[in-house]
Amino acid sequence: MSEEILYEENPSMFKNEPITFIVFVLLIVVGIGVVFLLIWYLKTKATKLTVTNSMVTLEKGLLSKEHSELYIDTIRTVKVKQSFFNRIFGVGSLQFYTAGDSPEVVVNGMPDPHKIREIIKSSQR
C-alpha cells in the first residue's frame, strides 16, 4: 500500500497567538518588531506535521532538525487542547500518546486540530 498524504500543515502564526502578533506588528514602528516577526515566522515554517494513511510525522528545525514519527496503528490517544481564543480562531495543540502517561509527540498552534484527530481515527479502522 502506497503512502498517501492526508494532511500536511505548518502551525499558524496569527491564529495561534493573535495578541503576540499584534504586539510585534506595533513594535515594527520601533524597529525591533520586524526581527521578532521574522524569528517567529521561521520557527513556525520550520515545523511541519504530516499525516499519511499509515504514519504521523513531525519535523522541527531549520539548521538542526528533529524528526518524530508514529505509526497510526500504535497511536492510542490524540488529545486536543484549545484555549478560548484558539477555539475562536480554529487552532489548537495536539498531543499524541502511544503507550504510557506522557505524550510522544506534541505540536502547538495547528489549524483545525479536530480534523487531524478525525483523520487519524478514520485511518485506524
N, C-alpha and C. Protein backbone atom coordinates (compact mmCIF):
# COMPACT_ATOMS: atom_id res chain seq x y z
N MET A 1 0.84 -1.17 0.00
CA MET A 1 0.00 0.00 0.00
C MET A 1 0.89 1.24 0.00
N SER A 2 0.65 2.16 -0.90
CA SER A 2 1.49 3.35 -1.01
C SER A 2 1.07 4.40 0.01
N GLU A 3 2.03 5.27 0.33
CA GLU A 3 1.77 6.36 1.28
C GLU A 3 0.95 7.43 0.59
N GLU A 4 -0.13 7.80 1.22
CA GLU A 4 -0.99 8.87 0.71
C GLU A 4 -1.05 9.95 1.78
N ILE A 5 -0.67 11.18 1.42
CA ILE A 5 -0.69 12.28 2.37
C ILE A 5 -2.13 12.73 2.57
N LEU A 6 -2.60 12.65 3.82
CA LEU A 6 -3.95 13.04 4.16
C LEU A 6 -4.03 14.44 4.74
N TYR A 7 -2.91 14.90 5.33
CA TYR A 7 -2.87 16.22 5.95
C TYR A 7 -1.41 16.64 6.04
N GLU A 8 -1.13 17.89 5.70
CA GLU A 8 0.23 18.42 5.82
C GLU A 8 0.11 19.92 6.06
N GLU A 9 0.63 20.38 7.19
CA GLU A 9 0.43 21.79 7.55
C GLU A 9 1.49 22.24 8.54
N ASN A 10 1.76 23.56 8.52
CA ASN A 10 2.61 24.21 9.50
C ASN A 10 1.71 24.85 10.55
N PRO A 11 2.25 25.10 11.75
CA PRO A 11 1.45 25.82 12.74
C PRO A 11 1.08 27.22 12.25
N SER A 12 0.01 27.74 12.76
CA SER A 12 -0.46 29.06 12.39
C SER A 12 0.18 30.12 13.27
N MET A 13 0.53 31.26 12.69
CA MET A 13 1.12 32.34 13.49
C MET A 13 0.04 33.18 14.15
N PHE A 14 -0.70 33.92 13.34
CA PHE A 14 -1.67 34.87 13.88
C PHE A 14 -2.76 34.18 14.67
N LYS A 15 -3.33 33.12 14.13
CA LYS A 15 -4.45 32.45 14.80
C LYS A 15 -4.06 31.83 16.13
N ASN A 16 -2.81 31.38 16.24
CA ASN A 16 -2.36 30.74 17.47
C ASN A 16 -2.05 31.76 18.56
N GLU A 17 -1.48 32.89 18.20
CA GLU A 17 -1.08 33.92 19.17
C GLU A 17 -1.45 35.29 18.63
N PRO A 18 -2.74 35.64 18.57
CA PRO A 18 -3.13 36.90 17.95
C PRO A 18 -2.62 38.14 18.68
N ILE A 19 -2.59 38.10 19.99
CA ILE A 19 -2.13 39.27 20.75
C ILE A 19 -0.63 39.47 20.55
N THR A 20 0.14 38.40 20.57
CA THR A 20 1.58 38.49 20.32
C THR A 20 1.84 39.05 18.93
N PHE A 21 1.09 38.58 17.95
CA PHE A 21 1.24 39.06 16.58
C PHE A 21 0.99 40.57 16.51
N ILE A 22 -0.07 41.04 17.14
CA ILE A 22 -0.39 42.47 17.13
C ILE A 22 0.71 43.28 17.82
N VAL A 23 1.22 42.79 18.94
CA VAL A 23 2.31 43.49 19.65
C VAL A 23 3.55 43.58 18.76
N PHE A 24 3.91 42.49 18.09
CA PHE A 24 5.08 42.51 17.21
C PHE A 24 4.87 43.47 16.04
N VAL A 25 3.66 43.53 15.50
CA VAL A 25 3.38 44.47 14.42
C VAL A 25 3.51 45.90 14.93
N LEU A 26 3.03 46.16 16.14
CA LEU A 26 3.17 47.50 16.72
C LEU A 26 4.63 47.84 16.99
N LEU A 27 5.45 46.84 17.31
CA LEU A 27 6.87 47.07 17.56
C LEU A 27 7.65 47.36 16.29
N ILE A 28 7.03 47.16 15.13
CA ILE A 28 7.69 47.48 13.87
C ILE A 28 8.03 48.97 13.83
N VAL A 29 7.18 49.79 14.43
CA VAL A 29 7.42 51.24 14.49
C VAL A 29 8.75 51.52 15.18
N VAL A 30 9.04 50.76 16.25
CA VAL A 30 10.29 50.94 16.99
C VAL A 30 11.46 50.35 16.21
N GLY A 31 11.18 49.37 15.38
CA GLY A 31 12.24 48.77 14.57
C GLY A 31 12.57 47.34 14.94
N ILE A 32 12.22 46.90 16.15
CA ILE A 32 12.58 45.54 16.56
C ILE A 32 11.46 44.54 16.26
N GLY A 33 10.29 45.04 15.92
CA GLY A 33 9.18 44.14 15.62
C GLY A 33 9.44 43.26 14.42
N VAL A 34 10.15 43.78 13.43
CA VAL A 34 10.45 43.00 12.23
C VAL A 34 11.30 41.80 12.59
N VAL A 35 12.27 41.99 13.47
CA VAL A 35 13.14 40.89 13.89
C VAL A 35 12.33 39.81 14.60
N PHE A 36 11.47 40.24 15.54
CA PHE A 36 10.64 39.28 16.27
C PHE A 36 9.70 38.52 15.33
N LEU A 37 9.07 39.23 14.41
CA LEU A 37 8.17 38.58 13.46
C LEU A 37 8.92 37.60 12.56
N LEU A 38 10.12 37.96 12.12
CA LEU A 38 10.91 37.08 11.27
C LEU A 38 11.31 35.80 12.00
N ILE A 39 11.75 35.94 13.25
CA ILE A 39 12.13 34.76 14.04
C ILE A 39 10.92 33.87 14.26
N TRP A 40 9.80 34.47 14.61
CA TRP A 40 8.57 33.71 14.84
C TRP A 40 8.12 33.02 13.56
N TYR A 41 8.19 33.72 12.44
CA TYR A 41 7.81 33.15 11.14
C TYR A 41 8.68 31.94 10.81
N LEU A 42 9.99 32.09 10.99
CA LEU A 42 10.90 30.98 10.69
C LEU A 42 10.64 29.78 11.59
N LYS A 43 10.33 30.03 12.86
CA LYS A 43 10.02 28.91 13.77
C LYS A 43 8.76 28.17 13.33
N THR A 44 7.73 28.90 12.92
CA THR A 44 6.50 28.22 12.51
C THR A 44 6.69 27.50 11.18
N LYS A 45 7.43 28.08 10.26
CA LYS A 45 7.65 27.42 8.97
C LYS A 45 8.63 26.25 9.09
N ALA A 46 9.41 26.22 10.16
CA ALA A 46 10.35 25.12 10.37
C ALA A 46 9.70 23.94 11.08
N THR A 47 8.41 24.04 11.36
CA THR A 47 7.67 22.95 11.99
C THR A 47 6.59 22.49 11.03
N LYS A 48 6.55 21.18 10.75
CA LYS A 48 5.54 20.67 9.83
C LYS A 48 5.02 19.32 10.33
N LEU A 49 3.70 19.22 10.39
CA LEU A 49 3.03 17.97 10.76
C LEU A 49 2.45 17.36 9.50
N THR A 50 2.78 16.10 9.28
CA THR A 50 2.27 15.37 8.12
C THR A 50 1.58 14.11 8.60
N VAL A 51 0.36 13.88 8.10
CA VAL A 51 -0.38 12.66 8.41
C VAL A 51 -0.60 11.92 7.10
N THR A 52 -0.10 10.69 7.04
CA THR A 52 -0.36 9.84 5.88
C THR A 52 -1.34 8.75 6.31
N ASN A 53 -1.64 7.84 5.41
CA ASN A 53 -2.58 6.78 5.74
C ASN A 53 -1.99 5.77 6.72
N SER A 54 -0.67 5.85 7.00
CA SER A 54 -0.08 4.90 7.94
C SER A 54 0.81 5.53 9.00
N MET A 55 1.08 6.83 8.91
CA MET A 55 2.07 7.42 9.81
C MET A 55 1.78 8.90 10.09
N VAL A 56 2.18 9.34 11.30
CA VAL A 56 2.16 10.76 11.67
C VAL A 56 3.61 11.18 11.85
N THR A 57 4.00 12.24 11.14
CA THR A 57 5.38 12.70 11.17
C THR A 57 5.42 14.16 11.57
N LEU A 58 6.30 14.50 12.52
CA LEU A 58 6.52 15.88 12.93
C LEU A 58 7.99 16.21 12.69
N GLU A 59 8.22 17.26 11.90
CA GLU A 59 9.58 17.73 11.63
C GLU A 59 9.71 19.13 12.20
N LYS A 60 10.81 19.36 12.95
CA LYS A 60 11.07 20.67 13.55
C LYS A 60 12.51 21.06 13.26
N GLY A 61 12.72 22.36 13.04
CA GLY A 61 14.07 22.89 12.95
C GLY A 61 14.48 23.33 11.57
N LEU A 62 15.35 24.35 11.53
CA LEU A 62 15.93 24.83 10.29
C LEU A 62 17.35 24.30 10.12
N LEU A 63 18.21 24.64 11.06
CA LEU A 63 19.60 24.20 10.96
C LEU A 63 19.80 22.83 11.59
N SER A 64 19.34 22.67 12.81
CA SER A 64 19.34 21.34 13.41
C SER A 64 17.91 20.82 13.34
N LYS A 65 17.76 19.58 13.02
CA LYS A 65 16.44 19.00 12.77
C LYS A 65 16.07 17.99 13.84
N GLU A 66 14.78 17.95 14.12
CA GLU A 66 14.19 16.92 14.98
C GLU A 66 13.08 16.27 14.18
N HIS A 67 13.10 14.97 14.08
CA HIS A 67 12.13 14.23 13.28
C HIS A 67 11.49 13.15 14.15
N SER A 68 10.16 13.22 14.32
CA SER A 68 9.44 12.22 15.10
C SER A 68 8.38 11.59 14.22
N GLU A 69 8.27 10.28 14.30
CA GLU A 69 7.21 9.62 13.55
C GLU A 69 6.56 8.53 14.39
N LEU A 70 5.26 8.43 14.21
CA LEU A 70 4.46 7.43 14.89
C LEU A 70 3.62 6.70 13.86
N TYR A 71 3.56 5.39 13.99
CA TYR A 71 2.65 4.64 13.12
C TYR A 71 1.24 4.83 13.64
N ILE A 72 0.31 5.06 12.74
CA ILE A 72 -1.08 5.33 13.13
C ILE A 72 -1.66 4.17 13.95
N ASP A 73 -1.27 2.96 13.64
CA ASP A 73 -1.79 1.80 14.37
C ASP A 73 -1.36 1.79 15.83
N THR A 74 -0.25 2.48 16.16
CA THR A 74 0.24 2.47 17.54
C THR A 74 -0.31 3.63 18.36
N ILE A 75 -0.96 4.59 17.72
CA ILE A 75 -1.49 5.75 18.45
C ILE A 75 -2.72 5.32 19.24
N ARG A 76 -2.64 5.53 20.55
CA ARG A 76 -3.73 5.15 21.45
C ARG A 76 -4.69 6.32 21.65
N THR A 77 -4.14 7.53 21.81
CA THR A 77 -4.95 8.70 22.10
C THR A 77 -4.40 9.92 21.38
N VAL A 78 -5.30 10.74 20.86
CA VAL A 78 -4.95 12.06 20.32
C VAL A 78 -5.70 13.08 21.16
N LYS A 79 -4.96 13.89 21.89
CA LYS A 79 -5.56 14.88 22.77
C LYS A 79 -5.46 16.25 22.12
N VAL A 80 -6.59 16.96 22.07
CA VAL A 80 -6.65 18.30 21.50
C VAL A 80 -6.87 19.29 22.64
N LYS A 81 -6.01 20.30 22.72
CA LYS A 81 -6.16 21.36 23.72
C LYS A 81 -6.39 22.68 23.00
N GLN A 82 -7.42 23.41 23.43
CA GLN A 82 -7.74 24.70 22.83
C GLN A 82 -8.16 25.68 23.92
N SER A 83 -7.54 26.85 23.91
CA SER A 83 -8.00 27.92 24.79
C SER A 83 -9.22 28.56 24.14
N PHE A 84 -9.81 29.52 24.81
CA PHE A 84 -10.98 30.22 24.26
C PHE A 84 -10.64 30.87 22.92
N PHE A 85 -9.50 31.59 22.86
CA PHE A 85 -9.11 32.24 21.61
C PHE A 85 -8.73 31.21 20.55
N ASN A 86 -8.10 30.10 20.95
CA ASN A 86 -7.79 29.05 19.99
C ASN A 86 -9.05 28.51 19.35
N ARG A 87 -10.10 28.32 20.14
CA ARG A 87 -11.37 27.82 19.59
C ARG A 87 -11.98 28.81 18.61
N ILE A 88 -11.90 30.11 18.94
CA ILE A 88 -12.45 31.14 18.04
C ILE A 88 -11.72 31.11 16.70
N PHE A 89 -10.38 30.97 16.74
CA PHE A 89 -9.59 31.01 15.52
C PHE A 89 -9.37 29.65 14.87
N GLY A 90 -9.86 28.58 15.49
CA GLY A 90 -9.79 27.25 14.87
C GLY A 90 -8.41 26.61 14.89
N VAL A 91 -7.63 26.88 15.94
CA VAL A 91 -6.33 26.25 16.09
C VAL A 91 -6.27 25.55 17.44
N GLY A 92 -5.23 24.75 17.65
CA GLY A 92 -5.08 24.07 18.93
C GLY A 92 -3.80 23.28 19.01
N SER A 93 -3.55 22.74 20.18
CA SER A 93 -2.39 21.90 20.42
C SER A 93 -2.81 20.44 20.33
N LEU A 94 -1.94 19.64 19.78
CA LEU A 94 -2.19 18.20 19.66
C LEU A 94 -1.14 17.43 20.44
N GLN A 95 -1.59 16.42 21.17
CA GLN A 95 -0.70 15.52 21.88
C GLN A 95 -1.03 14.10 21.43
N PHE A 96 0.00 13.37 21.02
CA PHE A 96 -0.18 12.00 20.54
C PHE A 96 0.42 11.04 21.57
N TYR A 97 -0.40 10.10 22.02
CA TYR A 97 0.00 9.10 23.01
C TYR A 97 -0.01 7.72 22.34
N THR A 98 1.03 6.94 22.62
CA THR A 98 1.01 5.54 22.18
C THR A 98 0.88 4.66 23.41
N ALA A 99 1.91 4.57 24.20
CA ALA A 99 1.86 3.81 25.45
C ALA A 99 2.45 4.68 26.54
N GLY A 100 1.95 4.57 27.72
CA GLY A 100 2.47 5.37 28.82
C GLY A 100 1.61 6.59 29.10
N ASP A 101 2.08 7.39 30.06
CA ASP A 101 1.30 8.52 30.52
C ASP A 101 1.73 9.86 29.93
N SER A 102 2.85 9.90 29.23
CA SER A 102 3.30 11.16 28.65
C SER A 102 3.21 11.08 27.12
N PRO A 103 2.90 12.22 26.48
CA PRO A 103 2.75 12.19 25.03
C PRO A 103 4.10 12.01 24.34
N GLU A 104 4.10 11.26 23.25
CA GLU A 104 5.32 11.05 22.47
C GLU A 104 5.59 12.24 21.55
N VAL A 105 4.53 12.85 21.04
CA VAL A 105 4.66 13.98 20.12
C VAL A 105 3.66 15.06 20.55
N VAL A 106 4.15 16.31 20.65
CA VAL A 106 3.31 17.46 20.99
C VAL A 106 3.58 18.54 19.94
N VAL A 107 2.51 19.09 19.38
CA VAL A 107 2.65 20.18 18.41
C VAL A 107 1.59 21.23 18.72
N ASN A 108 2.03 22.49 18.78
CA ASN A 108 1.15 23.60 19.15
C ASN A 108 0.76 24.43 17.93
N GLY A 109 -0.42 25.04 18.02
CA GLY A 109 -0.84 26.00 17.01
C GLY A 109 -1.28 25.43 15.69
N MET A 110 -1.73 24.19 15.67
CA MET A 110 -2.12 23.58 14.40
C MET A 110 -3.53 23.99 14.00
N PRO A 111 -3.71 24.38 12.72
CA PRO A 111 -5.05 24.72 12.24
C PRO A 111 -5.94 23.48 12.21
N ASP A 112 -7.18 23.64 12.59
CA ASP A 112 -8.21 22.60 12.54
C ASP A 112 -7.75 21.29 13.20
N PRO A 113 -7.44 21.32 14.50
CA PRO A 113 -6.91 20.13 15.17
C PRO A 113 -7.90 18.96 15.23
N HIS A 114 -9.20 19.26 15.26
CA HIS A 114 -10.18 18.17 15.31
C HIS A 114 -10.21 17.40 14.00
N LYS A 115 -9.93 18.08 12.90
CA LYS A 115 -9.85 17.40 11.61
C LYS A 115 -8.70 16.40 11.61
N ILE A 116 -7.57 16.79 12.19
CA ILE A 116 -6.42 15.89 12.27
C ILE A 116 -6.77 14.66 13.10
N ARG A 117 -7.42 14.90 14.23
CA ARG A 117 -7.84 13.78 15.10
C ARG A 117 -8.77 12.84 14.36
N GLU A 118 -9.73 13.38 13.61
CA GLU A 118 -10.67 12.56 12.85
C GLU A 118 -9.99 11.78 11.74
N ILE A 119 -9.01 12.39 11.07
CA ILE A 119 -8.25 11.69 10.03
C ILE A 119 -7.54 10.48 10.62
N ILE A 120 -6.93 10.68 11.79
CA ILE A 120 -6.20 9.57 12.43
C ILE A 120 -7.17 8.48 12.86
N LYS A 121 -8.29 8.86 13.46
CA LYS A 121 -9.29 7.87 13.89
C LYS A 121 -9.81 7.07 12.70
N SER A 122 -10.09 7.73 11.60
CA SER A 122 -10.62 7.01 10.44
C SER A 122 -9.56 6.14 9.78
N SER A 123 -8.29 6.50 9.89
CA SER A 123 -7.21 5.69 9.32
C SER A 123 -6.93 4.45 10.17
N GLN A 124 -7.34 4.47 11.43
CA GLN A 124 -7.11 3.32 12.31
C GLN A 124 -8.12 2.20 12.08
N ARG A 125 -9.21 2.48 11.41
CA ARG A 125 -10.25 1.46 11.22
C ARG A 125 -9.92 0.52 10.11
